[in-house]
Amino acid sequence: LVFNSMLLLVQLILIYVFSIPFLEEGEGRIIIFVFAFLMNLLFFI
């Protein structure tokens, strides 16, 4: 809960405060799920 809420908060701040997009033009939304899965795996390690 702590990790994923902070990961989501980081991405929201990057997008809405600093205007840094998560996805580039033409990238699929599946990348969001792959990113979240890999970050959670990295968090466990």
ModelCIF file with pLDDT and N, C-alpha, C, O atoms, coordinates in Angstrom:
data_MODEL
#
_entry.id   MODEL 
#
_entity.id                         1 
_entity.type                       polymer 
_entity.pdbx_number_of_molecules   1 
#
_entity_poly.entity_id                      1 
_entity_poly.type                           'polypeptide(L)' 
_entity_poly.nstd_linkage                   no 
_entity_poly.nstd_monomer                   no 
_entity_poly.pdbx_seq_one_letter_code       LVFNSMLLLVQLILIYVFSIPFLEEGEGRIIIFVFAFLMNLLFFI 
_entity_poly.pdbx_seq_one_letter_code_can   LVFNSMLLLVQLILIYVFSIPFLEEGEGRIIIFVFAFLMNLLFFI 
_entity_poly.pdbx_strand_id                 A 
#
loop_
_entity_poly_seq.entity_id 
_entity_poly_seq.num 
_entity_poly_seq.mon_id 
_entity_poly_seq.hetero 
1 1  LEU n 
1 2  VAL n 
1 3  PHE n 
1 4  ASN n 
1 5  SER n 
1 6  MET n 
1 7  LEU n 
1 8  LEU n 
1 9  LEU n 
1 10 VAL n 
1 11 GLN n 
1 12 LEU n 
1 13 ILE n 
1 14 LEU n 
1 15 ILE n 
1 16 TYR n 
1 17 VAL n 
1 18 PHE n 
1 19 SER n 
1 20 ILE n 
1 21 PRO n 
1 22 PHE n 
1 23 LEU n 
1 24 GLU n 
1 25 GLU n 
1 26 GLY n 
1 27 GLU n 
1 28 GLY n 
1 29 ARG n 
1 30 ILE n 
1 31 ILE n 
1 32 ILE n 
1 33 PHE n 
1 34 VAL n 
1 35 PHE n 
1 36 ALA n 
1 37 PHE n 
1 38 LEU n 
1 39 MET n 
1 40 ASN n 
1 41 LEU n 
1 42 LEU n 
1 43 PHE n 
1 44 PHE n 
1 45 ILE n 
#
_struct_asym.id          A 
_struct_asym.entity_id   1 
#
loop_
_ma_qa_metric.id 
_ma_qa_metric.mode 
_ma_qa_metric.name 
_ma_qa_metric.software_group_id 
_ma_qa_metric.type 
1 global pLDDT . pLDDT 
2 local  pLDDT . pLDDT 
#
_ma_qa_metric_global.metric_id      1 
_ma_qa_metric_global.metric_value   84.91 
_ma_qa_metric_global.model_id       1 
_ma_qa_metric_global.ordinal_id     1 
#
loop_
_ma_qa_metric_local.label_asym_id 
_ma_qa_metric_local.label_comp_id 
_ma_qa_metric_local.label_seq_id 
_ma_qa_metric_local.metric_id 
_ma_qa_metric_local.metric_value 
_ma_qa_metric_local.model_id 
_ma_qa_metric_local.ordinal_id 
A LEU 1  2 95.00 1 1  
A VAL 2  2 95.00 1 2  
A PHE 3  2 95.00 1 3  
A ASN 4  2 94.00 1 4  
A SER 5  2 95.00 1 5  
A MET 6  2 94.00 1 6  
A LEU 7  2 92.00 1 7  
A LEU 8  2 91.00 1 8  
A LEU 9  2 93.00 1 9  
A VAL 10 2 91.00 1 10 
A GLN 11 2 87.00 1 11 
A LEU 12 2 89.00 1 12 
A ILE 13 2 91.00 1 13 
A LEU 14 2 87.00 1 14 
A ILE 15 2 85.00 1 15 
A TYR 16 2 89.00 1 16 
A VAL 17 2 89.00 1 17 
A PHE 18 2 83.00 1 18 
A SER 19 2 81.00 1 19 
A ILE 20 2 78.00 1 20 
A PRO 21 2 76.00 1 21 
A PHE 22 2 70.00 1 22 
A LEU 23 2 65.00 1 23 
A GLU 24 2 65.00 1 24 
A GLU 25 2 62.00 1 25 
A GLY 26 2 58.00 1 26 
A GLU 27 2 64.00 1 27 
A GLY 28 2 65.00 1 28 
A ARG 29 2 72.00 1 29 
A ILE 30 2 81.00 1 30 
A ILE 31 2 80.00 1 31 
A ILE 32 2 80.00 1 32 
A PHE 33 2 84.00 1 33 
A VAL 34 2 87.00 1 34 
A PHE 35 2 85.00 1 35 
A ALA 36 2 88.00 1 36 
A PHE 37 2 93.00 1 37 
A LEU 38 2 93.00 1 38 
A MET 39 2 92.00 1 39 
A ASN 40 2 95.00 1 40 
A LEU 41 2 95.00 1 41 
A LEU 42 2 93.00 1 42 
A PHE 43 2 95.00 1 43 
A PHE 44 2 94.00 1 44 
A ILE 45 2 95.00 1 45 
#
loop_
_atom_site.group_PDB 
_atom_site.id 
_atom_site.type_symbol 
_atom_site.label_atom_id 
_atom_site.label_alt_id 
_atom_site.label_comp_id 
_atom_site.label_asym_id 
_atom_site.label_entity_id 
_atom_site.label_seq_id 
_atom_site.pdbx_PDB_ins_code 
_atom_site.Cartn_x 
_atom_site.Cartn_y 
_atom_site.Cartn_z 
_atom_site.occupancy 
_atom_site.B_iso_or_equiv 
_atom_site.pdbx_formal_charge 
_atom_site.auth_seq_id 
_atom_site.auth_comp_id 
_atom_site.auth_asym_id 
_atom_site.auth_atom_id 
_atom_site.pdbx_PDB_model_num 
ATOM 1   N N  . LEU A 1 1  ? 0.829  -1.202 0.000   1.00 95.00 ? 1  LEU A N  1 
ATOM 2   C CA . LEU A 1 1  ? 0.000  0.000  0.000   1.00 95.00 ? 1  LEU A CA 1 
ATOM 3   C C  . LEU A 1 1  ? 0.866  1.256  0.000   1.00 95.00 ? 1  LEU A C  1 
ATOM 4   O O  . LEU A 1 1  ? 0.623  2.182  -0.774  1.00 95.00 ? 1  LEU A O  1 
ATOM 5   N N  . VAL A 1 2  ? 1.865  1.287  0.858   1.00 95.00 ? 2  VAL A N  1 
ATOM 6   C CA . VAL A 1 2  ? 2.752  2.445  0.933   1.00 95.00 ? 2  VAL A CA 1 
ATOM 7   C C  . VAL A 1 2  ? 3.502  2.620  -0.384  1.00 95.00 ? 2  VAL A C  1 
ATOM 8   O O  . VAL A 1 2  ? 3.554  3.722  -0.930  1.00 95.00 ? 2  VAL A O  1 
ATOM 9   N N  . PHE A 1 3  ? 4.080  1.539  -0.891  1.00 95.00 ? 3  PHE A N  1 
ATOM 10  C CA . PHE A 1 3  ? 4.875  1.648  -2.116  1.00 95.00 ? 3  PHE A CA 1 
ATOM 11  C C  . PHE A 1 3  ? 4.030  2.061  -3.309  1.00 95.00 ? 3  PHE A C  1 
ATOM 12  O O  . PHE A 1 3  ? 4.378  3.006  -4.018  1.00 95.00 ? 3  PHE A O  1 
ATOM 13  N N  . ASN A 1 4  ? 2.932  1.369  -3.537  1.00 94.00 ? 4  ASN A N  1 
ATOM 14  C CA . ASN A 1 4  ? 2.137  1.658  -4.731  1.00 94.00 ? 4  ASN A CA 1 
ATOM 15  C C  . ASN A 1 4  ? 1.447  3.016  -4.666  1.00 94.00 ? 4  ASN A C  1 
ATOM 16  O O  . ASN A 1 4  ? 1.295  3.675  -5.694  1.00 94.00 ? 4  ASN A O  1 
ATOM 17  N N  . SER A 1 5  ? 1.031  3.443  -3.484  1.00 95.00 ? 5  SER A N  1 
ATOM 18  C CA . SER A 1 5  ? 0.430  4.779  -3.393  1.00 95.00 ? 5  SER A CA 1 
ATOM 19  C C  . SER A 1 5  ? 1.476  5.855  -3.657  1.00 95.00 ? 5  SER A C  1 
ATOM 20  O O  . SER A 1 5  ? 1.175  6.864  -4.295  1.00 95.00 ? 5  SER A O  1 
ATOM 21  N N  . MET A 1 6  ? 2.686  5.656  -3.180  1.00 94.00 ? 6  MET A N  1 
ATOM 22  C CA . MET A 1 6  ? 3.746  6.638  -3.438  1.00 94.00 ? 6  MET A CA 1 
ATOM 23  C C  . MET A 1 6  ? 4.193  6.603  -4.907  1.00 94.00 ? 6  MET A C  1 
ATOM 24  O O  . MET A 1 6  ? 4.498  7.647  -5.485  1.00 94.00 ? 6  MET A O  1 
ATOM 25  N N  . LEU A 1 7  ? 4.231  5.433  -5.499  1.00 92.00 ? 7  LEU A N  1 
ATOM 26  C CA . LEU A 1 7  ? 4.568  5.333  -6.915  1.00 92.00 ? 7  LEU A CA 1 
ATOM 27  C C  . LEU A 1 7  ? 3.519  6.049  -7.764  1.00 92.00 ? 7  LEU A C  1 
ATOM 28  O O  . LEU A 1 7  ? 3.857  6.755  -8.715  1.00 92.00 ? 7  LEU A O  1 
ATOM 29  N N  . LEU A 1 8  ? 2.269  5.868  -7.423  1.00 91.00 ? 8  LEU A N  1 
ATOM 30  C CA . LEU A 1 8  ? 1.187  6.569  -8.123  1.00 91.00 ? 8  LEU A CA 1 
ATOM 31  C C  . LEU A 1 8  ? 1.286  8.077  -7.902  1.00 91.00 ? 8  LEU A C  1 
ATOM 32  O O  . LEU A 1 8  ? 1.109  8.858  -8.837  1.00 91.00 ? 8  LEU A O  1 
ATOM 33  N N  . LEU A 1 9  ? 1.564  8.479  -6.678  1.00 93.00 ? 9  LEU A N  1 
ATOM 34  C CA . LEU A 1 9  ? 1.700  9.905  -6.366  1.00 93.00 ? 9  LEU A CA 1 
ATOM 35  C C  . LEU A 1 9  ? 2.857  10.535 -7.138  1.00 93.00 ? 9  LEU A C  1 
ATOM 36  O O  . LEU A 1 9  ? 2.731  11.655 -7.634  1.00 93.00 ? 9  LEU A O  1 
ATOM 37  N N  . VAL A 1 10 ? 3.967  9.836  -7.241  1.00 91.00 ? 10 VAL A N  1 
ATOM 38  C CA . VAL A 1 10 ? 5.111  10.345 -8.017  1.00 91.00 ? 10 VAL A CA 1 
ATOM 39  C C  . VAL A 1 10 ? 4.698  10.578 -9.457  1.00 91.00 ? 10 VAL A C  1 
ATOM 40  O O  . VAL A 1 10 ? 4.976  11.635 -10.022 1.00 91.00 ? 10 VAL A O  1 
ATOM 41  N N  . GLN A 1 11 ? 4.039  9.602  -10.051 1.00 87.00 ? 11 GLN A N  1 
ATOM 42  C CA . GLN A 1 11 ? 3.638  9.738  -11.455 1.00 87.00 ? 11 GLN A CA 1 
ATOM 43  C C  . GLN A 1 11 ? 2.619  10.859 -11.641 1.00 87.00 ? 11 GLN A C  1 
ATOM 44  O O  . GLN A 1 11 ? 2.683  11.597 -12.624 1.00 87.00 ? 11 GLN A O  1 
ATOM 45  N N  . LEU A 1 12 ? 1.689  10.992 -10.714 1.00 89.00 ? 12 LEU A N  1 
ATOM 46  C CA . LEU A 1 12 ? 0.701  12.076 -10.825 1.00 89.00 ? 12 LEU A CA 1 
ATOM 47  C C  . LEU A 1 12 ? 1.355  13.449 -10.683 1.00 89.00 ? 12 LEU A C  1 
ATOM 48  O O  . LEU A 1 12 ? 1.003  14.380 -11.407 1.00 89.00 ? 12 LEU A O  1 
ATOM 49  N N  . ILE A 1 13 ? 2.292  13.578 -9.766  1.00 91.00 ? 13 ILE A N  1 
ATOM 50  C CA . ILE A 1 13 ? 3.005  14.852 -9.615  1.00 91.00 ? 13 ILE A CA 1 
ATOM 51  C C  . ILE A 1 13 ? 3.817  15.162 -10.871 1.00 91.00 ? 13 ILE A C  1 
ATOM 52  O O  . ILE A 1 13 ? 3.848  16.302 -11.332 1.00 91.00 ? 13 ILE A O  1 
ATOM 53  N N  . LEU A 1 14 ? 4.470  14.141 -11.418 1.00 87.00 ? 14 LEU A N  1 
ATOM 54  C CA . LEU A 1 14 ? 5.247  14.363 -12.640 1.00 87.00 ? 14 LEU A CA 1 
ATOM 55  C C  . LEU A 1 14 ? 4.361  14.821 -13.792 1.00 87.00 ? 14 LEU A C  1 
ATOM 56  O O  . LEU A 1 14 ? 4.745  15.693 -14.571 1.00 87.00 ? 14 LEU A O  1 
ATOM 57  N N  . ILE A 1 15 ? 3.185  14.234 -13.895 1.00 85.00 ? 15 ILE A N  1 
ATOM 58  C CA . ILE A 1 15 ? 2.293  14.562 -15.010 1.00 85.00 ? 15 ILE A CA 1 
ATOM 59  C C  . ILE A 1 15 ? 1.612  15.915 -14.800 1.00 85.00 ? 15 ILE A C  1 
ATOM 60  O O  . ILE A 1 15 ? 1.614  16.753 -15.701 1.00 85.00 ? 15 ILE A O  1 
ATOM 61  N N  . TYR A 1 16 ? 1.031  16.133 -13.619 1.00 89.00 ? 16 TYR A N  1 
ATOM 62  C CA . TYR A 1 16 ? 0.182  17.307 -13.424 1.00 89.00 ? 16 TYR A CA 1 
ATOM 63  C C  . TYR A 1 16 ? 0.900  18.525 -12.853 1.00 89.00 ? 16 TYR A C  1 
ATOM 64  O O  . TYR A 1 16 ? 0.425  19.646 -13.032 1.00 89.00 ? 16 TYR A O  1 
ATOM 65  N N  . VAL A 1 17 ? 2.019  18.342 -12.177 1.00 89.00 ? 17 VAL A N  1 
ATOM 66  C CA . VAL A 1 17 ? 2.739  19.488 -11.635 1.00 89.00 ? 17 VAL A CA 1 
ATOM 67  C C  . VAL A 1 17 ? 3.897  19.884 -12.538 1.00 89.00 ? 17 VAL A C  1 
ATOM 68  O O  . VAL A 1 17 ? 4.067  21.057 -12.870 1.00 89.00 ? 17 VAL A O  1 
ATOM 69  N N  . PHE A 1 18 ? 4.698  18.886 -12.934 1.00 83.00 ? 18 PHE A N  1 
ATOM 70  C CA . PHE A 1 18 ? 5.882  19.168 -13.742 1.00 83.00 ? 18 PHE A CA 1 
ATOM 71  C C  . PHE A 1 18 ? 5.655  18.967 -15.245 1.00 83.00 ? 18 PHE A C  1 
ATOM 72  O O  . PHE A 1 18 ? 6.571  19.201 -16.033 1.00 83.00 ? 18 PHE A O  1 
ATOM 73  N N  . SER A 1 19 ? 4.465  18.542 -15.655 1.00 81.00 ? 19 SER A N  1 
ATOM 74  C CA . SER A 1 19 ? 4.099  18.319 -17.070 1.00 81.00 ? 19 SER A CA 1 
ATOM 75  C C  . SER A 1 19 ? 5.064  17.377 -17.781 1.00 81.00 ? 19 SER A C  1 
ATOM 76  O O  . SER A 1 19 ? 5.439  17.612 -18.929 1.00 81.00 ? 19 SER A O  1 
ATOM 77  N N  . ILE A 1 20 ? 5.457  16.323 -17.099 1.00 78.00 ? 20 ILE A N  1 
ATOM 78  C CA . ILE A 1 20 ? 6.314  15.291 -17.687 1.00 78.00 ? 20 ILE A CA 1 
ATOM 79  C C  . ILE A 1 20 ? 5.428  14.079 -17.954 1.00 78.00 ? 20 ILE A C  1 
ATOM 80  O O  . ILE A 1 20 ? 4.984  13.432 -17.006 1.00 78.00 ? 20 ILE A O  1 
ATOM 81  N N  . PRO A 1 21 ? 5.159  13.756 -19.216 1.00 76.00 ? 21 PRO A N  1 
ATOM 82  C CA . PRO A 1 21 ? 4.243  12.649 -19.511 1.00 76.00 ? 21 PRO A CA 1 
ATOM 83  C C  . PRO A 1 21 ? 4.859  11.293 -19.182 1.00 76.00 ? 21 PRO A C  1 
ATOM 84  O O  . PRO A 1 21 ? 6.067  11.099 -19.311 1.00 76.00 ? 21 PRO A O  1 
ATOM 85  N N  . PHE A 1 22 ? 4.008  10.355 -18.755 1.00 70.00 ? 22 PHE A N  1 
ATOM 86  C CA . PHE A 1 22 ? 4.464  8.992  -18.472 1.00 70.00 ? 22 PHE A CA 1 
ATOM 87  C C  . PHE A 1 22 ? 4.684  8.223  -19.765 1.00 70.00 ? 22 PHE A C  1 
ATOM 88  O O  . PHE A 1 22 ? 5.683  7.520  -19.919 1.00 70.00 ? 22 PHE A O  1 
ATOM 89  N N  . LEU A 1 23 ? 3.747  8.359  -20.690 1.00 65.00 ? 23 LEU A N  1 
ATOM 90  C CA . LEU A 1 23 ? 3.831  7.666  -21.971 1.00 65.00 ? 23 LEU A CA 1 
ATOM 91  C C  . LEU A 1 23 ? 4.153  8.650  -23.083 1.00 65.00 ? 23 LEU A C  1 
ATOM 92  O O  . LEU A 1 23 ? 3.631  9.764  -23.113 1.00 65.00 ? 23 LEU A O  1 
ATOM 93  N N  . GLU A 1 24 ? 5.001  8.233  -23.979 1.00 65.00 ? 24 GLU A N  1 
ATOM 94  C CA . GLU A 1 24 ? 5.284  9.029  -25.167 1.00 65.00 ? 24 GLU A CA 1 
ATOM 95  C C  . GLU A 1 24 ? 4.180  8.768  -26.190 1.00 65.00 ? 24 GLU A C  1 
ATOM 96  O O  . GLU A 1 24 ? 3.413  7.813  -26.063 1.00 65.00 ? 24 GLU A O  1 
ATOM 97  N N  . GLU A 1 25 ? 4.114  9.605  -27.175 1.00 62.00 ? 25 GLU A N  1 
ATOM 98  C CA . GLU A 1 25 ? 3.118  9.471  -28.241 1.00 62.00 ? 25 GLU A CA 1 
ATOM 99  C C  . GLU A 1 25 ? 3.246  8.109  -28.918 1.00 62.00 ? 25 GLU A C  1 
ATOM 100 O O  . GLU A 1 25 ? 4.334  7.732  -29.355 1.00 62.00 ? 25 GLU A O  1 
ATOM 101 N N  . GLY A 1 26 ? 2.144  7.373  -29.006 1.00 58.00 ? 26 GLY A N  1 
ATOM 102 C CA . GLY A 1 26 ? 2.127  6.102  -29.708 1.00 58.00 ? 26 GLY A CA 1 
ATOM 103 C C  . GLY A 1 26 ? 2.430  4.885  -28.835 1.00 58.00 ? 26 GLY A C  1 
ATOM 104 O O  . GLY A 1 26 ? 2.328  3.759  -29.320 1.00 58.00 ? 26 GLY A O  1 
ATOM 105 N N  . GLU A 1 27 ? 2.791  5.066  -27.592 1.00 64.00 ? 27 GLU A N  1 
ATOM 106 C CA . GLU A 1 27 ? 3.056  3.919  -26.720 1.00 64.00 ? 27 GLU A CA 1 
ATOM 107 C C  . GLU A 1 27 ? 1.742  3.367  -26.201 1.00 64.00 ? 27 GLU A C  1 
ATOM 108 O O  . GLU A 1 27 ? 0.805  4.117  -25.931 1.00 64.00 ? 27 GLU A O  1 
ATOM 109 N N  . GLY A 1 28 ? 1.679  2.054  -26.064 1.00 65.00 ? 28 GLY A N  1 
ATOM 110 C CA . GLY A 1 28 ? 0.470  1.405  -25.583 1.00 65.00 ? 28 GLY A CA 1 
ATOM 111 C C  . GLY A 1 28 ? 0.305  1.521  -24.082 1.00 65.00 ? 28 GLY A C  1 
ATOM 112 O O  . GLY A 1 28 ? 1.273  1.707  -23.345 1.00 65.00 ? 28 GLY A O  1 
ATOM 113 N N  . ARG A 1 29 ? -0.926 1.408  -23.645 1.00 72.00 ? 29 ARG A N  1 
ATOM 114 C CA . ARG A 1 29 ? -1.226 1.511  -22.216 1.00 72.00 ? 29 ARG A CA 1 
ATOM 115 C C  . ARG A 1 29 ? -0.768 0.277  -21.439 1.00 72.00 ? 29 ARG A C  1 
ATOM 116 O O  . ARG A 1 29 ? -0.718 0.310  -20.210 1.00 72.00 ? 29 ARG A O  1 
ATOM 117 N N  . ILE A 1 30 ? -0.437 -0.794 -22.129 1.00 81.00 ? 30 ILE A N  1 
ATOM 118 C CA . ILE A 1 30 ? 0.058  -1.992 -21.455 1.00 81.00 ? 30 ILE A CA 1 
ATOM 119 C C  . ILE A 1 30 ? 1.377  -1.705 -20.742 1.00 81.00 ? 30 ILE A C  1 
ATOM 120 O O  . ILE A 1 30 ? 1.735  -2.387 -19.781 1.00 81.00 ? 30 ILE A O  1 
ATOM 121 N N  . ILE A 1 31 ? 2.088  -0.702 -21.216 1.00 80.00 ? 31 ILE A N  1 
ATOM 122 C CA . ILE A 1 31 ? 3.371  -0.328 -20.604 1.00 80.00 ? 31 ILE A CA 1 
ATOM 123 C C  . ILE A 1 31 ? 3.164  0.102  -19.153 1.00 80.00 ? 31 ILE A C  1 
ATOM 124 O O  . ILE A 1 31 ? 4.037  -0.123 -18.315 1.00 80.00 ? 31 ILE A O  1 
ATOM 125 N N  . ILE A 1 32 ? 2.029  0.713  -18.848 1.00 80.00 ? 32 ILE A N  1 
ATOM 126 C CA . ILE A 1 32 ? 1.734  1.126  -17.475 1.00 80.00 ? 32 ILE A CA 1 
ATOM 127 C C  . ILE A 1 32 ? 1.689  -0.085 -16.553 1.00 80.00 ? 32 ILE A C  1 
ATOM 128 O O  . ILE A 1 32 ? 2.243  -0.052 -15.455 1.00 80.00 ? 32 ILE A O  1 
ATOM 129 N N  . PHE A 1 33 ? 1.033  -1.150 -16.994 1.00 84.00 ? 33 PHE A N  1 
ATOM 130 C CA . PHE A 1 33 ? 0.924  -2.359 -16.168 1.00 84.00 ? 33 PHE A CA 1 
ATOM 131 C C  . PHE A 1 33 ? 2.259  -3.088 -16.057 1.00 84.00 ? 33 PHE A C  1 
ATOM 132 O O  . PHE A 1 33 ? 2.593  -3.621 -14.998 1.00 84.00 ? 33 PHE A O  1 
ATOM 133 N N  . VAL A 1 34 ? 3.014  -3.111 -17.142 1.00 87.00 ? 34 VAL A N  1 
ATOM 134 C CA . VAL A 1 34 ? 4.343  -3.734 -17.105 1.00 87.00 ? 34 VAL A CA 1 
ATOM 135 C C  . VAL A 1 34 ? 5.253  -2.952 -16.165 1.00 87.00 ? 34 VAL A C  1 
ATOM 136 O O  . VAL A 1 34 ? 5.997  -3.541 -15.380 1.00 87.00 ? 34 VAL A O  1 
ATOM 137 N N  . PHE A 1 35 ? 5.193  -1.632 -16.247 1.00 85.00 ? 35 PHE A N  1 
ATOM 138 C CA . PHE A 1 35 ? 5.983  -0.782 -15.363 1.00 85.00 ? 35 PHE A CA 1 
ATOM 139 C C  . PHE A 1 35 ? 5.615  -1.033 -13.904 1.00 85.00 ? 35 PHE A C  1 
ATOM 140 O O  . PHE A 1 35 ? 6.500  -1.194 -13.064 1.00 85.00 ? 35 PHE A O  1 
ATOM 141 N N  . ALA A 1 36 ? 4.328  -1.067 -13.598 1.00 88.00 ? 36 ALA A N  1 
ATOM 142 C CA . ALA A 1 36 ? 3.877  -1.283 -12.213 1.00 88.00 ? 36 ALA A CA 1 
ATOM 143 C C  . ALA A 1 36 ? 4.310  -2.665 -11.710 1.00 88.00 ? 36 ALA A C  1 
ATOM 144 O O  . ALA A 1 36 ? 4.747  -2.798 -10.567 1.00 88.00 ? 36 ALA A O  1 
ATOM 145 N N  . PHE A 1 37 ? 4.191  -3.673 -12.545 1.00 93.00 ? 37 PHE A N  1 
ATOM 146 C CA . PHE A 1 37 ? 4.607  -5.024 -12.152 1.00 93.00 ? 37 PHE A CA 1 
ATOM 147 C C  . PHE A 1 37 ? 6.107  -5.079 -11.875 1.00 93.00 ? 37 PHE A C  1 
ATOM 148 O O  . PHE A 1 37 ? 6.536  -5.625 -10.859 1.00 93.00 ? 37 PHE A O  1 
ATOM 149 N N  . LEU A 1 38 ? 6.897  -4.513 -12.777 1.00 93.00 ? 38 LEU A N  1 
ATOM 150 C CA . LEU A 1 38 ? 8.352  -4.531 -12.594 1.00 93.00 ? 38 LEU A CA 1 
ATOM 151 C C  . LEU A 1 38 ? 8.788  -3.708 -11.382 1.00 93.00 ? 38 LEU A C  1 
ATOM 152 O O  . LEU A 1 38 ? 9.719  -4.094 -10.676 1.00 93.00 ? 38 LEU A O  1 
ATOM 153 N N  . MET A 1 39 ? 8.133  -2.596 -11.139 1.00 92.00 ? 39 MET A N  1 
ATOM 154 C CA . MET A 1 39 ? 8.466  -1.789 -9.967  1.00 92.00 ? 39 MET A CA 1 
ATOM 155 C C  . MET A 1 39 ? 8.122  -2.534 -8.674  1.00 92.00 ? 39 MET A C  1 
ATOM 156 O O  . MET A 1 39 ? 8.867  -2.446 -7.698  1.00 92.00 ? 39 MET A O  1 
ATOM 157 N N  . ASN A 1 40 ? 7.013  -3.259 -8.655  1.00 95.00 ? 40 ASN A N  1 
ATOM 158 C CA . ASN A 1 40 ? 6.665  -4.047 -7.479  1.00 95.00 ? 40 ASN A CA 1 
ATOM 159 C C  . ASN A 1 40 ? 7.652  -5.186 -7.265  1.00 95.00 ? 40 ASN A C  1 
ATOM 160 O O  . ASN A 1 40 ? 8.010  -5.489 -6.127  1.00 95.00 ? 40 ASN A O  1 
ATOM 161 N N  . LEU A 1 41 ? 8.086  -5.808 -8.330  1.00 95.00 ? 41 LEU A N  1 
ATOM 162 C CA . LEU A 1 41 ? 9.107  -6.854 -8.232  1.00 95.00 ? 41 LEU A CA 1 
ATOM 163 C C  . LEU A 1 41 ? 10.406 -6.271 -7.695  1.00 95.00 ? 41 LEU A C  1 
ATOM 164 O O  . LEU A 1 41 ? 11.047 -6.866 -6.829  1.00 95.00 ? 41 LEU A O  1 
ATOM 165 N N  . LEU A 1 42 ? 10.786 -5.125 -8.200  1.00 93.00 ? 42 LEU A N  1 
ATOM 166 C CA . LEU A 1 42 ? 11.980 -4.439 -7.717  1.00 93.00 ? 42 LEU A CA 1 
ATOM 167 C C  . LEU A 1 42 ? 11.831 -4.039 -6.251  1.00 93.00 ? 42 LEU A C  1 
ATOM 168 O O  . LEU A 1 42 ? 12.798 -4.091 -5.491  1.00 93.00 ? 42 LEU A O  1 
ATOM 169 N N  . PHE A 1 43 ? 10.634 -3.643 -5.857  1.00 95.00 ? 43 PHE A N  1 
ATOM 170 C CA . PHE A 1 43 ? 10.392 -3.296 -4.467  1.00 95.00 ? 43 PHE A CA 1 
ATOM 171 C C  . PHE A 1 43 ? 10.577 -4.498 -3.540  1.00 95.00 ? 43 PHE A C  1 
ATOM 172 O O  . PHE A 1 43 ? 11.164 -4.358 -2.467  1.00 95.00 ? 43 PHE A O  1 
ATOM 173 N N  . PHE A 1 44 ? 10.091 -5.666 -3.933  1.00 94.00 ? 44 PHE A N  1 
ATOM 174 C CA . PHE A 1 44 ? 10.268 -6.860 -3.110  1.00 94.00 ? 44 PHE A CA 1 
ATOM 175 C C  . PHE A 1 44 ? 11.751 -7.190 -2.921  1.00 94.00 ? 44 PHE A C  1 
ATOM 176 O O  . PHE A 1 44 ? 12.179 -7.566 -1.830  1.00 94.00 ? 44 PHE A O  1 
ATOM 177 N N  . ILE A 1 45 ? 12.521 -7.045 -3.989  1.00 95.00 ? 45 ILE A N  1 
ATOM 178 C CA . ILE A 1 45 ? 13.962 -7.287 -3.898  1.00 95.00 ? 45 ILE A CA 1 
ATOM 179 C C  . ILE A 1 45 ? 14.605 -6.259 -2.973  1.00 95.00 ? 45 ILE A C  1 
ATOM 180 O O  . ILE A 1 45 ? 15.817 -6.291 -2.763  1.00 95.00 ? 45 ILE A O  1 
#
